[in-house]
Amino acid sequence: MKIVGISPRLTTTENSEREFVNTLYVKQLTSRGLNAIIISTNNPNADKVLDLCDCFLLTGGHDIDPKYYNEENNGKSLNVNHALDKLDRQIAEHAARTKKPLLGICRGHQAINIFLGGSLFQDIGDTHSDIKSGHAVYAEPNRLLPFAQKIMVNSYHHQAIDRVAPEFDVIARAEDGTIEAIIHQSLPIIGIQWHPEIIPDAVESKLIFDVFARLVHER
């Protein structure tokens, strides 16, 4: 069975720091023949774990330090966790180098863009309309994900892609132009701004996870 390495979410209290993964992701992956493991931010041998994985999922979470796209934090990049940023960068660069399939959702979509050479708007309220959680996305023809031209999605974010990373194509935008999905031009790397795991029965959600699993099993 193929192994998918998943980046964690982090919660910190006065007495503890916990890493976890939403089981909605795990259900979508394991139902498609993938064996899911969490890649800890506290593992000094994370590079060895990456070598064991056949593919990766970068999940949702807090904002990424804007230093990675050569900007200062203007106060709108919130709850930055440097350990998670470091891990997501390590995963993205490893996937690109080894040509392993990589799916990024929400923060993970943004992480792929940042760590492979792009940038973000630190707050889309400064440049775009306020994106509601449920809204329309307009898809463009592409080599991997044959979405309908107009689909309804569930985005929860205040940041968005600004400069697209080299060798990536934008395949979906919100009505105001906000980038909602990207794919690499030649590598099996996909970024999705919305949350397909929350609406697993939607046609587009099934398509995203089906295509990702197919990319993994075909390696």
N, C-alpha and C. Protein backbone atom coordinates (compact mmCIF):
# COMPACT_ATOMS: atom_id res chain seq x y z
N MET A 1 0.84 -1.20 0.00
CA MET A 1 0.00 0.00 0.00
C MET A 1 0.88 1.25 0.00
N LYS A 2 0.53 2.21 -0.81
CA LYS A 2 1.29 3.46 -0.90
C LYS A 2 1.12 4.28 0.38
N ILE A 3 2.17 5.00 0.74
CA ILE A 3 2.17 5.81 1.96
C ILE A 3 2.06 7.28 1.60
N VAL A 4 1.09 7.97 2.21
CA VAL A 4 0.96 9.41 2.05
C VAL A 4 1.36 10.07 3.36
N GLY A 5 2.33 10.96 3.31
CA GLY A 5 2.75 11.72 4.48
C GLY A 5 1.96 13.00 4.57
N ILE A 6 1.38 13.26 5.74
CA ILE A 6 0.50 14.41 5.94
C ILE A 6 1.12 15.38 6.92
N SER A 7 1.13 16.66 6.57
CA SER A 7 1.60 17.68 7.51
C SER A 7 0.53 17.90 8.57
N PRO A 8 0.91 18.17 9.82
CA PRO A 8 -0.06 18.27 10.90
C PRO A 8 -0.60 19.68 11.09
N ARG A 9 -1.68 19.78 11.86
CA ARG A 9 -2.12 21.03 12.47
C ARG A 9 -1.53 21.06 13.87
N LEU A 10 -1.34 22.25 14.41
CA LEU A 10 -0.73 22.40 15.73
C LEU A 10 -1.65 23.18 16.65
N THR A 11 -1.75 22.73 17.90
CA THR A 11 -2.42 23.49 18.94
C THR A 11 -1.48 23.59 20.13
N THR A 12 -1.42 24.77 20.72
CA THR A 12 -0.52 24.99 21.85
C THR A 12 -1.30 25.55 23.02
N THR A 13 -1.11 24.95 24.20
CA THR A 13 -1.66 25.47 25.44
C THR A 13 -0.50 25.78 26.37
N GLU A 14 -0.82 26.20 27.58
CA GLU A 14 0.22 26.55 28.54
C GLU A 14 1.10 25.35 28.86
N ASN A 15 0.51 24.16 28.85
CA ASN A 15 1.25 22.97 29.29
C ASN A 15 1.53 21.95 28.19
N SER A 16 1.08 22.22 26.98
CA SER A 16 1.29 21.20 25.95
C SER A 16 1.27 21.80 24.55
N GLU A 17 1.87 21.05 23.64
CA GLU A 17 1.78 21.34 22.21
C GLU A 17 1.39 20.05 21.52
N ARG A 18 0.32 20.09 20.74
CA ARG A 18 -0.20 18.88 20.12
C ARG A 18 -0.21 19.01 18.60
N GLU A 19 0.07 17.89 17.95
CA GLU A 19 -0.01 17.80 16.51
C GLU A 19 -1.14 16.84 16.16
N PHE A 20 -1.94 17.19 15.16
CA PHE A 20 -3.05 16.32 14.80
C PHE A 20 -3.40 16.51 13.32
N VAL A 21 -4.20 15.59 12.81
CA VAL A 21 -4.69 15.67 11.44
C VAL A 21 -6.20 15.45 11.46
N ASN A 22 -6.92 16.25 10.73
CA ASN A 22 -8.36 16.08 10.58
C ASN A 22 -8.65 14.72 9.94
N THR A 23 -9.48 13.93 10.58
CA THR A 23 -9.76 12.59 10.05
C THR A 23 -10.50 12.62 8.72
N LEU A 24 -11.08 13.76 8.37
CA LEU A 24 -11.73 13.86 7.06
C LEU A 24 -10.73 13.67 5.93
N TYR A 25 -9.51 14.18 6.12
CA TYR A 25 -8.46 13.94 5.12
C TYR A 25 -8.14 12.45 5.04
N VAL A 26 -7.96 11.86 6.21
CA VAL A 26 -7.53 10.45 6.28
C VAL A 26 -8.55 9.55 5.61
N LYS A 27 -9.84 9.81 5.85
CA LYS A 27 -10.88 8.97 5.26
C LYS A 27 -10.83 9.02 3.74
N GLN A 28 -10.61 10.21 3.19
CA GLN A 28 -10.57 10.33 1.73
C GLN A 28 -9.36 9.62 1.13
N LEU A 29 -8.27 9.61 1.85
CA LEU A 29 -7.04 8.99 1.35
C LEU A 29 -7.06 7.47 1.51
N THR A 30 -7.44 7.01 2.70
CA THR A 30 -7.42 5.56 2.95
C THR A 30 -8.48 4.84 2.12
N SER A 31 -9.59 5.50 1.83
CA SER A 31 -10.62 4.88 1.00
C SER A 31 -10.17 4.69 -0.44
N ARG A 32 -9.05 5.32 -0.78
CA ARG A 32 -8.49 5.20 -2.13
C ARG A 32 -7.18 4.42 -2.14
N GLY A 33 -6.98 3.61 -1.11
CA GLY A 33 -5.84 2.71 -1.08
C GLY A 33 -4.53 3.32 -0.64
N LEU A 34 -4.59 4.45 0.07
CA LEU A 34 -3.38 5.09 0.58
C LEU A 34 -3.30 4.92 2.08
N ASN A 35 -2.10 4.71 2.59
CA ASN A 35 -1.86 4.53 4.02
C ASN A 35 -1.32 5.84 4.57
N ALA A 36 -2.08 6.51 5.43
CA ALA A 36 -1.75 7.85 5.88
C ALA A 36 -0.92 7.85 7.15
N ILE A 37 0.14 8.68 7.17
CA ILE A 37 0.93 8.89 8.38
C ILE A 37 1.14 10.39 8.58
N ILE A 38 1.27 10.80 9.83
CA ILE A 38 1.56 12.19 10.15
C ILE A 38 3.07 12.39 10.17
N ILE A 39 3.53 13.46 9.56
CA ILE A 39 4.94 13.82 9.62
C ILE A 39 5.09 14.89 10.69
N SER A 40 5.75 14.58 11.77
CA SER A 40 5.85 15.49 12.91
C SER A 40 6.83 16.62 12.65
N THR A 41 6.49 17.80 13.15
CA THR A 41 7.41 18.94 13.07
C THR A 41 8.57 18.78 14.04
N ASN A 42 8.43 17.85 15.00
CA ASN A 42 9.46 17.67 16.03
C ASN A 42 10.39 16.50 15.75
N ASN A 43 10.30 15.92 14.58
CA ASN A 43 11.15 14.78 14.24
C ASN A 43 12.43 15.28 13.57
N PRO A 44 13.57 15.14 14.23
CA PRO A 44 14.83 15.60 13.61
C PRO A 44 15.22 14.77 12.40
N ASN A 45 14.57 13.63 12.23
CA ASN A 45 14.85 12.76 11.08
C ASN A 45 13.72 12.81 10.05
N ALA A 46 13.08 13.96 9.94
CA ALA A 46 11.96 14.09 9.02
C ALA A 46 12.36 13.76 7.59
N ASP A 47 13.60 14.05 7.23
CA ASP A 47 14.03 13.74 5.86
C ASP A 47 13.97 12.25 5.58
N LYS A 48 14.24 11.43 6.60
CA LYS A 48 14.15 9.98 6.44
C LYS A 48 12.70 9.55 6.25
N VAL A 49 11.79 10.21 6.95
CA VAL A 49 10.37 9.91 6.81
C VAL A 49 9.89 10.27 5.40
N LEU A 50 10.35 11.40 4.90
CA LEU A 50 9.96 11.80 3.55
C LEU A 50 10.40 10.78 2.52
N ASP A 51 11.57 10.21 2.73
CA ASP A 51 12.06 9.19 1.80
C ASP A 51 11.15 7.97 1.77
N LEU A 52 10.50 7.67 2.91
CA LEU A 52 9.61 6.51 3.00
C LEU A 52 8.26 6.74 2.32
N CYS A 53 7.90 8.00 2.16
CA CYS A 53 6.57 8.33 1.64
C CYS A 53 6.54 8.29 0.12
N ASP A 54 5.39 7.88 -0.41
CA ASP A 54 5.18 7.86 -1.86
C ASP A 54 4.55 9.15 -2.36
N CYS A 55 3.93 9.90 -1.46
CA CYS A 55 3.23 11.13 -1.83
C CYS A 55 2.97 11.93 -0.56
N PHE A 56 2.42 13.15 -0.73
CA PHE A 56 2.26 14.04 0.42
C PHE A 56 0.97 14.86 0.31
N LEU A 57 0.44 15.19 1.50
CA LEU A 57 -0.68 16.12 1.60
C LEU A 57 -0.30 17.22 2.57
N LEU A 58 -0.32 18.47 2.10
CA LEU A 58 -0.15 19.63 2.96
C LEU A 58 -1.54 20.15 3.30
N THR A 59 -1.85 20.22 4.58
CA THR A 59 -3.21 20.52 5.02
C THR A 59 -3.39 22.00 5.36
N GLY A 60 -4.61 22.32 5.83
CA GLY A 60 -4.93 23.68 6.23
C GLY A 60 -4.28 24.05 7.54
N GLY A 61 -4.34 25.33 7.88
CA GLY A 61 -3.72 25.77 9.13
C GLY A 61 -3.48 27.26 9.14
N HIS A 62 -2.55 27.68 10.00
CA HIS A 62 -2.29 29.10 10.19
C HIS A 62 -1.46 29.68 9.06
N ASP A 63 -1.23 30.99 9.14
CA ASP A 63 -0.51 31.70 8.09
C ASP A 63 0.97 31.33 8.06
N ILE A 64 1.58 31.55 6.91
CA ILE A 64 2.99 31.25 6.70
C ILE A 64 3.79 32.54 6.82
N ASP A 65 4.97 32.45 7.42
CA ASP A 65 5.82 33.62 7.60
C ASP A 65 6.12 34.25 6.24
N PRO A 66 5.78 35.54 6.05
CA PRO A 66 6.01 36.17 4.75
C PRO A 66 7.47 36.37 4.39
N LYS A 67 8.37 36.07 5.32
CA LYS A 67 9.79 36.16 4.97
C LYS A 67 10.13 35.19 3.83
N TYR A 68 9.32 34.13 3.69
CA TYR A 68 9.59 33.15 2.64
C TYR A 68 9.28 33.68 1.25
N TYR A 69 8.54 34.79 1.17
CA TYR A 69 8.37 35.43 -0.14
C TYR A 69 8.85 36.88 -0.09
N ASN A 70 9.89 37.07 0.75
CA ASN A 70 10.65 38.33 0.79
C ASN A 70 9.80 39.54 1.17
N GLU A 71 8.90 39.33 2.13
CA GLU A 71 8.12 40.43 2.68
C GLU A 71 8.20 40.41 4.20
N GLU A 72 7.99 41.57 4.82
CA GLU A 72 7.88 41.64 6.26
C GLU A 72 6.44 41.39 6.66
N ASN A 73 6.26 40.87 7.86
CA ASN A 73 4.91 40.66 8.37
C ASN A 73 4.29 42.02 8.68
N ASN A 74 3.24 42.38 7.95
CA ASN A 74 2.60 43.67 8.15
C ASN A 74 1.55 43.64 9.25
N GLY A 75 1.57 42.58 10.04
CA GLY A 75 0.61 42.42 11.13
C GLY A 75 -0.62 41.63 10.73
N LYS A 76 -0.68 41.24 9.46
CA LYS A 76 -1.85 40.51 8.98
C LYS A 76 -1.57 39.04 8.70
N SER A 77 -0.32 38.63 8.85
CA SER A 77 0.01 37.20 8.79
C SER A 77 -0.03 36.68 10.21
N LEU A 78 -1.02 35.85 10.53
CA LEU A 78 -1.38 35.55 11.91
C LEU A 78 -0.96 34.14 12.33
N ASN A 79 -0.62 34.02 13.64
CA ASN A 79 -0.36 32.71 14.25
C ASN A 79 0.67 31.89 13.49
N VAL A 80 1.73 32.56 13.06
CA VAL A 80 2.79 31.89 12.31
C VAL A 80 3.46 30.85 13.20
N ASN A 81 3.70 29.66 12.65
CA ASN A 81 4.43 28.61 13.36
C ASN A 81 5.64 28.24 12.52
N HIS A 82 6.82 28.59 13.01
CA HIS A 82 8.03 28.43 12.21
C HIS A 82 8.38 26.97 11.97
N ALA A 83 8.08 26.11 12.93
CA ALA A 83 8.38 24.68 12.76
C ALA A 83 7.54 24.09 11.63
N LEU A 84 6.26 24.47 11.57
CA LEU A 84 5.40 23.97 10.51
C LEU A 84 5.80 24.54 9.16
N ASP A 85 6.17 25.82 9.15
CA ASP A 85 6.66 26.42 7.90
C ASP A 85 7.87 25.64 7.37
N LYS A 86 8.78 25.34 8.27
CA LYS A 86 10.00 24.62 7.88
C LYS A 86 9.66 23.25 7.32
N LEU A 87 8.72 22.54 7.97
CA LEU A 87 8.34 21.21 7.51
C LEU A 87 7.65 21.27 6.15
N ASP A 88 6.71 22.20 6.00
CA ASP A 88 6.00 22.31 4.73
C ASP A 88 6.97 22.64 3.59
N ARG A 89 7.94 23.49 3.88
CA ARG A 89 8.94 23.81 2.86
C ARG A 89 9.74 22.56 2.49
N GLN A 90 10.12 21.81 3.51
CA GLN A 90 10.89 20.58 3.28
C GLN A 90 10.10 19.60 2.42
N ILE A 91 8.81 19.46 2.72
CA ILE A 91 7.97 18.54 1.96
C ILE A 91 7.81 19.02 0.52
N ALA A 92 7.50 20.29 0.33
CA ALA A 92 7.29 20.82 -1.02
C ALA A 92 8.53 20.66 -1.88
N GLU A 93 9.69 20.99 -1.31
CA GLU A 93 10.93 20.90 -2.07
C GLU A 93 11.28 19.44 -2.36
N HIS A 94 11.02 18.55 -1.39
CA HIS A 94 11.29 17.12 -1.60
C HIS A 94 10.40 16.57 -2.71
N ALA A 95 9.12 16.92 -2.68
CA ALA A 95 8.19 16.42 -3.69
C ALA A 95 8.59 16.89 -5.08
N ALA A 96 8.97 18.16 -5.19
CA ALA A 96 9.38 18.68 -6.50
C ALA A 96 10.65 18.01 -6.99
N ARG A 97 11.57 17.78 -6.08
CA ARG A 97 12.87 17.18 -6.46
C ARG A 97 12.71 15.71 -6.86
N THR A 98 11.86 14.99 -6.14
CA THR A 98 11.71 13.54 -6.39
C THR A 98 10.55 13.21 -7.33
N LYS A 99 9.78 14.24 -7.69
CA LYS A 99 8.63 14.08 -8.59
C LYS A 99 7.54 13.21 -7.97
N LYS A 100 7.43 13.27 -6.63
CA LYS A 100 6.36 12.55 -5.94
C LYS A 100 5.09 13.40 -5.95
N PRO A 101 3.92 12.78 -6.04
CA PRO A 101 2.67 13.54 -6.03
C PRO A 101 2.50 14.33 -4.72
N LEU A 102 1.99 15.54 -4.86
CA LEU A 102 1.78 16.43 -3.72
C LEU A 102 0.46 17.16 -3.93
N LEU A 103 -0.39 17.10 -2.91
CA LEU A 103 -1.66 17.83 -2.90
C LEU A 103 -1.63 18.80 -1.74
N GLY A 104 -1.93 20.06 -2.01
CA GLY A 104 -2.02 21.07 -0.96
C GLY A 104 -3.43 21.61 -0.87
N ILE A 105 -3.98 21.67 0.33
CA ILE A 105 -5.33 22.17 0.56
C ILE A 105 -5.27 23.36 1.50
N CYS A 106 -5.94 24.46 1.13
CA CYS A 106 -6.00 25.69 1.92
C CYS A 106 -4.59 26.23 2.17
N ARG A 107 -4.11 26.23 3.42
CA ARG A 107 -2.74 26.65 3.69
C ARG A 107 -1.76 25.86 2.84
N GLY A 108 -2.04 24.56 2.65
CA GLY A 108 -1.15 23.72 1.86
C GLY A 108 -1.02 24.19 0.42
N HIS A 109 -2.11 24.67 -0.14
CA HIS A 109 -2.11 25.26 -1.49
C HIS A 109 -1.20 26.49 -1.52
N GLN A 110 -1.32 27.32 -0.50
CA GLN A 110 -0.48 28.52 -0.42
C GLN A 110 0.98 28.15 -0.18
N ALA A 111 1.21 27.12 0.64
CA ALA A 111 2.57 26.68 0.93
C ALA A 111 3.28 26.20 -0.33
N ILE A 112 2.58 25.42 -1.14
CA ILE A 112 3.17 24.96 -2.40
C ILE A 112 3.62 26.15 -3.23
N ASN A 113 2.74 27.14 -3.35
CA ASN A 113 3.07 28.30 -4.17
C ASN A 113 4.27 29.07 -3.61
N ILE A 114 4.29 29.27 -2.29
CA ILE A 114 5.38 30.03 -1.67
C ILE A 114 6.70 29.29 -1.80
N PHE A 115 6.71 28.04 -1.37
CA PHE A 115 7.98 27.32 -1.25
C PHE A 115 8.53 26.86 -2.60
N LEU A 116 7.73 26.99 -3.65
CA LEU A 116 8.24 26.68 -4.99
C LEU A 116 8.37 27.95 -5.83
N GLY A 117 8.37 29.11 -5.15
CA GLY A 117 8.80 30.33 -5.82
C GLY A 117 7.79 31.44 -6.00
N GLY A 118 6.59 31.32 -5.42
CA GLY A 118 5.57 32.35 -5.57
C GLY A 118 5.42 33.21 -4.33
N SER A 119 4.33 33.97 -4.26
CA SER A 119 4.08 34.85 -3.12
C SER A 119 2.59 34.92 -2.83
N LEU A 120 2.25 35.58 -1.72
CA LEU A 120 0.86 35.73 -1.29
C LEU A 120 0.49 37.19 -1.10
N PHE A 121 -0.81 37.47 -1.17
CA PHE A 121 -1.37 38.66 -0.56
C PHE A 121 -1.53 38.34 0.92
N GLN A 122 -0.95 39.16 1.81
CA GLN A 122 -1.06 38.85 3.24
C GLN A 122 -2.48 39.00 3.76
N ASP A 123 -3.28 39.82 3.10
CA ASP A 123 -4.69 39.91 3.47
C ASP A 123 -5.48 40.31 2.23
N ILE A 124 -6.38 39.44 1.79
CA ILE A 124 -7.09 39.71 0.54
C ILE A 124 -8.08 40.84 0.67
N GLY A 125 -8.39 41.26 1.91
CA GLY A 125 -9.23 42.43 2.08
C GLY A 125 -8.58 43.69 1.56
N ASP A 126 -7.25 43.67 1.45
CA ASP A 126 -6.52 44.82 0.93
C ASP A 126 -6.61 44.93 -0.59
N THR A 127 -6.87 43.82 -1.26
CA THR A 127 -6.76 43.80 -2.72
C THR A 127 -7.96 43.20 -3.42
N HIS A 128 -8.74 42.38 -2.73
CA HIS A 128 -9.87 41.68 -3.34
C HIS A 128 -11.11 41.86 -2.47
N SER A 129 -12.25 41.50 -3.03
CA SER A 129 -13.47 41.52 -2.25
C SER A 129 -13.40 40.46 -1.16
N ASP A 130 -14.24 40.61 -0.16
CA ASP A 130 -14.29 39.65 0.94
C ASP A 130 -14.90 38.34 0.45
N ILE A 131 -14.07 37.30 0.35
CA ILE A 131 -14.54 36.01 -0.15
C ILE A 131 -15.38 35.31 0.93
N LYS A 132 -16.61 34.99 0.59
CA LYS A 132 -17.47 34.26 1.52
C LYS A 132 -17.07 32.78 1.51
N SER A 133 -17.48 32.07 2.58
CA SER A 133 -17.08 30.66 2.68
C SER A 133 -17.66 29.83 1.53
N GLY A 134 -18.88 30.12 1.14
CA GLY A 134 -19.46 29.44 -0.01
C GLY A 134 -19.56 30.39 -1.18
N HIS A 135 -18.90 30.07 -2.29
CA HIS A 135 -18.92 30.98 -3.43
C HIS A 135 -18.59 30.22 -4.71
N ALA A 136 -18.79 30.85 -5.83
CA ALA A 136 -18.52 30.23 -7.12
C ALA A 136 -17.05 30.36 -7.49
N VAL A 137 -16.56 29.34 -8.17
CA VAL A 137 -15.22 29.33 -8.74
C VAL A 137 -15.35 28.99 -10.21
N TYR A 138 -14.55 29.67 -11.01
CA TYR A 138 -14.59 29.48 -12.46
C TYR A 138 -13.32 28.76 -12.91
N ALA A 139 -13.50 27.55 -13.42
CA ALA A 139 -12.36 26.70 -13.75
C ALA A 139 -11.93 26.90 -15.20
N GLU A 140 -10.66 26.58 -15.44
CA GLU A 140 -10.08 26.67 -16.78
C GLU A 140 -9.61 25.29 -17.21
N PRO A 141 -9.65 24.99 -18.49
CA PRO A 141 -9.19 23.67 -18.97
C PRO A 141 -7.75 23.41 -18.54
N ASN A 142 -7.47 22.18 -18.14
CA ASN A 142 -6.13 21.85 -17.68
C ASN A 142 -5.89 20.36 -17.88
N ARG A 143 -4.67 19.91 -17.60
CA ARG A 143 -4.27 18.55 -17.95
C ARG A 143 -4.68 17.49 -16.92
N LEU A 144 -5.13 17.90 -15.73
CA LEU A 144 -5.38 16.93 -14.67
C LEU A 144 -6.81 16.90 -14.15
N LEU A 145 -7.41 18.07 -13.96
CA LEU A 145 -8.69 18.14 -13.26
C LEU A 145 -9.76 18.75 -14.16
N PRO A 146 -10.56 17.91 -14.81
CA PRO A 146 -11.61 18.42 -15.70
C PRO A 146 -12.85 18.89 -14.94
N PHE A 147 -12.69 20.01 -14.22
CA PHE A 147 -13.82 20.59 -13.49
C PHE A 147 -14.87 21.11 -14.47
N ALA A 148 -16.10 21.24 -13.96
CA ALA A 148 -17.10 22.01 -14.69
C ALA A 148 -16.63 23.46 -14.76
N GLN A 149 -17.16 24.22 -15.71
CA GLN A 149 -16.70 25.59 -15.88
C GLN A 149 -16.98 26.44 -14.64
N LYS A 150 -18.12 26.21 -14.00
CA LYS A 150 -18.48 26.94 -12.78
C LYS A 150 -18.83 25.94 -11.70
N ILE A 151 -18.17 26.05 -10.55
CA ILE A 151 -18.44 25.15 -9.44
C ILE A 151 -18.59 25.96 -8.15
N MET A 152 -19.32 25.41 -7.20
CA MET A 152 -19.47 26.05 -5.90
C MET A 152 -18.48 25.40 -4.92
N VAL A 153 -17.77 26.24 -4.17
CA VAL A 153 -16.75 25.73 -3.26
C VAL A 153 -16.92 26.36 -1.88
N ASN A 154 -16.12 25.86 -0.94
CA ASN A 154 -16.17 26.33 0.44
C ASN A 154 -14.77 26.78 0.87
N SER A 155 -14.45 28.03 0.63
CA SER A 155 -13.14 28.56 1.01
C SER A 155 -13.24 29.28 2.35
N TYR A 156 -12.20 29.12 3.18
CA TYR A 156 -12.12 29.82 4.46
C TYR A 156 -10.70 30.39 4.56
N HIS A 157 -10.49 31.59 4.06
CA HIS A 157 -9.12 32.11 4.05
C HIS A 157 -9.13 33.63 3.94
N HIS A 158 -8.09 34.25 4.49
CA HIS A 158 -7.94 35.70 4.35
C HIS A 158 -6.68 36.05 3.56
N GLN A 159 -5.92 35.02 3.15
CA GLN A 159 -4.76 35.22 2.30
C GLN A 159 -4.99 34.49 0.98
N ALA A 160 -4.23 34.87 -0.03
CA ALA A 160 -4.38 34.23 -1.33
C ALA A 160 -3.11 34.41 -2.14
N ILE A 161 -2.98 33.60 -3.18
CA ILE A 161 -1.81 33.69 -4.04
C ILE A 161 -1.77 35.04 -4.75
N ASP A 162 -0.59 35.64 -4.75
CA ASP A 162 -0.33 36.86 -5.51
C ASP A 162 0.46 36.48 -6.76
N ARG A 163 1.76 36.32 -6.61
CA ARG A 163 2.60 35.90 -7.74
C ARG A 163 2.62 34.37 -7.80
N VAL A 164 2.24 33.82 -8.94
CA VAL A 164 2.19 32.37 -9.10
C VAL A 164 3.60 31.82 -9.26
N ALA A 165 3.90 30.72 -8.58
CA ALA A 165 5.22 30.09 -8.67
C ALA A 165 5.53 29.69 -10.11
N PRO A 166 6.82 29.72 -10.49
CA PRO A 166 7.20 29.33 -11.84
C PRO A 166 6.74 27.91 -12.18
N GLU A 167 6.33 27.73 -13.41
CA GLU A 167 5.92 26.43 -13.96
C GLU A 167 4.60 25.93 -13.39
N PHE A 168 3.82 26.83 -12.80
CA PHE A 168 2.47 26.48 -12.36
C PHE A 168 1.44 27.20 -13.21
N ASP A 169 0.32 26.54 -13.44
CA ASP A 169 -0.81 27.14 -14.14
C ASP A 169 -1.96 27.35 -13.17
N VAL A 170 -2.64 28.48 -13.29
CA VAL A 170 -3.86 28.73 -12.53
C VAL A 170 -5.00 28.01 -13.24
N ILE A 171 -5.74 27.18 -12.50
CA ILE A 171 -6.82 26.42 -13.13
C ILE A 171 -8.20 26.77 -12.58
N ALA A 172 -8.26 27.67 -11.57
CA ALA A 172 -9.56 28.10 -11.07
C ALA A 172 -9.40 29.43 -10.33
N ARG A 173 -10.38 30.31 -10.52
CA ARG A 173 -10.39 31.61 -9.86
C ARG A 173 -11.79 31.91 -9.34
N ALA A 174 -11.84 32.70 -8.27
CA ALA A 174 -13.11 33.24 -7.81
C ALA A 174 -13.53 34.37 -8.76
N GLU A 175 -14.75 34.83 -8.59
CA GLU A 175 -15.28 35.85 -9.50
C GLU A 175 -14.44 37.12 -9.50
N ASP A 176 -13.82 37.45 -8.36
CA ASP A 176 -13.01 38.67 -8.28
C ASP A 176 -11.56 38.44 -8.72
N GLY A 177 -11.25 37.24 -9.19
CA GLY A 177 -9.91 36.95 -9.68
C GLY A 177 -9.02 36.22 -8.69
N THR A 178 -9.47 36.05 -7.45
CA THR A 178 -8.68 35.33 -6.46
C THR A 178 -8.37 33.92 -6.96
N ILE A 179 -7.10 33.53 -6.87
CA ILE A 179 -6.67 32.22 -7.36
C ILE A 179 -7.12 31.14 -6.39
N GLU A 180 -7.83 30.15 -6.90
CA GLU A 180 -8.41 29.10 -6.07
C GLU A 180 -7.82 27.72 -6.33
N ALA A 181 -7.07 27.54 -7.42
CA ALA A 181 -6.44 26.24 -7.68
C ALA A 181 -5.30 26.41 -8.67
N ILE A 182 -4.23 25.63 -8.46
CA ILE A 182 -3.07 25.64 -9.35
C ILE A 182 -2.60 24.21 -9.59
N ILE A 183 -1.95 23.98 -10.71
CA ILE A 183 -1.26 22.71 -10.93
C ILE A 183 0.09 22.99 -11.57
N HIS A 184 1.05 22.12 -11.30
CA HIS A 184 2.35 22.24 -11.95
C HIS A 184 2.23 21.80 -13.40
N GLN A 185 3.02 22.42 -14.26
CA GLN A 185 2.93 22.14 -15.69
C GLN A 185 3.41 20.74 -16.06
N SER A 186 4.29 20.16 -15.25
CA SER A 186 4.80 18.83 -15.60
C SER A 186 4.86 17.86 -14.42
N LEU A 187 4.93 18.36 -13.20
CA LEU A 187 5.01 17.50 -12.02
C LEU A 187 3.61 17.22 -11.46
N PRO A 188 3.45 16.14 -10.70
CA PRO A 188 2.14 15.79 -10.12
C PRO A 188 1.86 16.57 -8.83
N ILE A 189 1.77 17.89 -8.97
CA ILE A 189 1.58 18.78 -7.81
C ILE A 189 0.34 19.63 -8.04
N ILE A 190 -0.57 19.59 -7.06
CA ILE A 190 -1.86 20.27 -7.16
C ILE A 190 -2.09 21.10 -5.91
N GLY A 191 -2.57 22.33 -6.08
CA GLY A 191 -2.96 23.17 -4.96
C GLY A 191 -4.42 23.57 -5.07
N ILE A 192 -5.17 23.37 -3.99
CA ILE A 192 -6.61 23.68 -3.95
C ILE A 192 -6.86 24.59 -2.75
N GLN A 193 -7.44 25.77 -2.98
CA GLN A 193 -7.66 26.71 -1.89
C GLN A 193 -8.84 26.30 -1.00
N TRP A 194 -9.84 25.66 -1.57
CA TRP A 194 -11.01 25.31 -0.78
C TRP A 194 -10.82 23.95 -0.08
N HIS A 195 -11.88 23.45 0.56
CA HIS A 195 -11.78 22.26 1.41
C HIS A 195 -12.63 21.11 0.86
N PRO A 196 -12.11 20.33 -0.10
CA PRO A 196 -12.88 19.22 -0.65
C PRO A 196 -13.18 18.13 0.36
N GLU A 197 -12.35 18.01 1.39
CA GLU A 197 -12.57 16.96 2.39
C GLU A 197 -13.83 17.19 3.21
N ILE A 198 -14.30 18.45 3.27
CA ILE A 198 -15.49 18.78 4.05
C ILE A 198 -16.76 18.46 3.27
N ILE A 199 -16.67 18.50 1.95
CA ILE A 199 -17.82 18.17 1.10
C ILE A 199 -17.43 16.99 0.19
N PRO A 200 -17.20 15.81 0.79
CA PRO A 200 -16.63 14.69 0.05
C PRO A 200 -17.52 14.13 -1.05
N ASP A 201 -18.84 14.37 -0.96
CA ASP A 201 -19.74 13.82 -1.96
C ASP A 201 -19.88 14.71 -3.20
N ALA A 202 -19.33 15.92 -3.13
CA ALA A 202 -19.38 16.80 -4.30
C ALA A 202 -18.56 16.20 -5.44
N VAL A 203 -19.03 16.38 -6.65
CA VAL A 203 -18.34 15.82 -7.82
C VAL A 203 -16.89 16.28 -7.87
N GLU A 204 -16.67 17.57 -7.61
CA GLU A 204 -15.32 18.12 -7.70
C GLU A 204 -14.42 17.57 -6.60
N SER A 205 -14.98 17.34 -5.42
CA SER A 205 -14.19 16.77 -4.32
C SER A 205 -13.73 15.37 -4.66
N LYS A 206 -14.65 14.55 -5.16
CA LYS A 206 -14.29 13.19 -5.55
C LYS A 206 -13.22 13.22 -6.64
N LEU A 207 -13.36 14.14 -7.58
CA LEU A 207 -12.40 14.24 -8.67
C LEU A 207 -11.01 14.56 -8.15
N ILE A 208 -10.91 15.51 -7.23
CA ILE A 208 -9.60 15.90 -6.69
C ILE A 208 -8.90 14.72 -6.04
N PHE A 209 -9.60 14.02 -5.15
CA PHE A 209 -8.97 12.90 -4.45
C PHE A 209 -8.75 11.70 -5.37
N ASP A 210 -9.66 11.49 -6.32
CA ASP A 210 -9.48 10.40 -7.28
C ASP A 210 -8.24 10.62 -8.14
N VAL A 211 -8.08 11.84 -8.64
CA VAL A 211 -6.93 12.15 -9.49
C VAL A 211 -5.63 12.05 -8.69
N PHE A 212 -5.64 12.57 -7.47
CA PHE A 212 -4.43 12.48 -6.63
C PHE A 212 -4.06 11.02 -6.40
N ALA A 213 -5.03 10.19 -6.02
CA ALA A 213 -4.75 8.78 -5.78
C ALA A 213 -4.25 8.09 -7.05
N ARG A 214 -4.82 8.45 -8.19
CA ARG A 214 -4.37 7.84 -9.45
C ARG A 214 -2.91 8.21 -9.74
N LEU A 215 -2.56 9.47 -9.49
CA LEU A 215 -1.17 9.89 -9.70
C LEU A 215 -0.22 9.08 -8.82
N VAL A 216 -0.66 8.79 -7.60
CA VAL A 216 0.18 8.02 -6.67
C VAL A 216 0.32 6.57 -7.15
N HIS A 217 -0.79 5.95 -7.46
CA HIS A 217 -0.78 4.53 -7.83
C HIS A 217 -0.08 4.29 -9.17
N GLU A 218 -0.03 5.30 -10.01
CA GLU A 218 0.62 5.15 -11.32
C GLU A 218 2.13 5.29 -11.26
N ARG A 219 2.67 5.73 -10.12
CA ARG A 219 4.12 5.92 -10.03
C ARG A 219 4.83 4.57 -10.03
